[in-house]
Protein backbone atom coordinates (compact mmCIF):
# COMPACT_ATOMS: atom_id res chain seq x y z
CA MET A 1 -197.36 95.43 -69.93
CA ALA A 2 -197.37 98.80 -71.67
CA GLU A 3 -198.44 101.88 -69.73
CA LYS A 4 -201.41 103.77 -71.06
CA LYS A 5 -200.83 107.49 -71.27
CA THR A 6 -203.92 109.64 -71.30
CA SER A 7 -204.18 113.37 -71.35
CA LYS A 8 -206.24 115.18 -68.78
CA ARG A 9 -209.51 116.42 -70.18
CA GLY A 10 -212.50 118.26 -68.76
CA PHE A 11 -212.39 118.98 -65.04
CA ALA A 12 -209.11 117.10 -64.66
CA SER A 13 -207.28 119.63 -66.81
CA MET A 14 -208.55 122.65 -64.83
CA SER A 15 -206.97 124.21 -61.80
CA PRO A 16 -208.60 123.38 -58.46
CA GLU A 17 -209.77 126.99 -58.17
CA LYS A 18 -211.53 126.84 -61.55
CA GLN A 19 -213.13 123.50 -60.62
CA ARG A 20 -214.52 124.99 -57.39
CA GLU A 21 -215.82 128.05 -59.24
CA ILE A 22 -217.75 125.93 -61.75
CA ALA A 23 -218.99 123.42 -59.16
CA SER A 24 -220.33 126.17 -56.91
CA LYS A 25 -222.58 127.40 -59.70
CA GLY A 26 -224.52 124.12 -59.73
CA GLY A 27 -226.51 124.98 -56.64
CA GLN A 28 -227.26 128.47 -57.91
CA SER A 29 -228.92 127.47 -61.16
CA VAL A 30 -232.45 127.87 -59.76
CA PRO A 31 -233.47 130.80 -57.56
CA ALA A 32 -234.16 129.81 -53.93
CA GLY A 33 -237.81 130.81 -54.21
CA LYS A 34 -238.39 128.38 -57.06
CA ARG A 35 -236.89 125.31 -55.41
CA SER A 36 -239.84 123.14 -54.40
CA PHE A 37 -238.11 121.61 -51.38
CA ALA A 38 -237.09 125.05 -50.09
CA GLN A 39 -240.73 126.10 -50.10
CA ASN A 40 -242.24 122.91 -48.69
CA ARG A 41 -240.31 120.97 -46.04
CA GLU A 42 -243.03 118.32 -45.84
CA LEU A 43 -242.61 117.59 -49.56
CA ALA A 44 -238.86 117.18 -49.04
CA SER A 45 -239.47 114.88 -46.09
CA GLN A 46 -241.85 112.70 -48.09
CA ALA A 47 -239.42 112.46 -51.00
CA GLY A 48 -236.56 111.46 -48.69
CA ARG A 49 -238.70 108.85 -46.97
CA LYS A 50 -239.83 107.42 -50.31
CA GLY A 51 -236.26 107.25 -51.59
CA GLY A 52 -235.11 105.53 -48.41
CA GLN A 53 -237.83 102.92 -48.71
CA THR A 54 -236.94 102.24 -52.32
CA SER A 55 -233.25 101.78 -51.55
CA GLN A 56 -234.05 99.24 -48.82
CA THR A 57 -236.10 96.90 -51.01
CA PRO A 58 -234.41 93.91 -52.66
CA LYS A 59 -233.72 94.32 -56.36
CA ARG A 60 -234.80 90.78 -57.23
CA PRO A 61 -236.64 87.99 -55.45
CA ASP A 62 -234.57 85.46 -53.54
CA VAL A 63 -233.90 82.38 -55.62
CA PRO A 64 -233.36 79.08 -53.72
């Protein structure tokens, strides 16, 4: 079987330092005061609970 040769593109072509620099900016895109969960812990708690409940439900009914 022939080997497929692919060139590195995007993040794969960058140095690990450059990858970390770009990735660290993701959490800084919105000021801390404007993050809804940072301002309201109860809202964050409700969202986490809701997401947990959704992930626990079956995706389709059981078929005999």
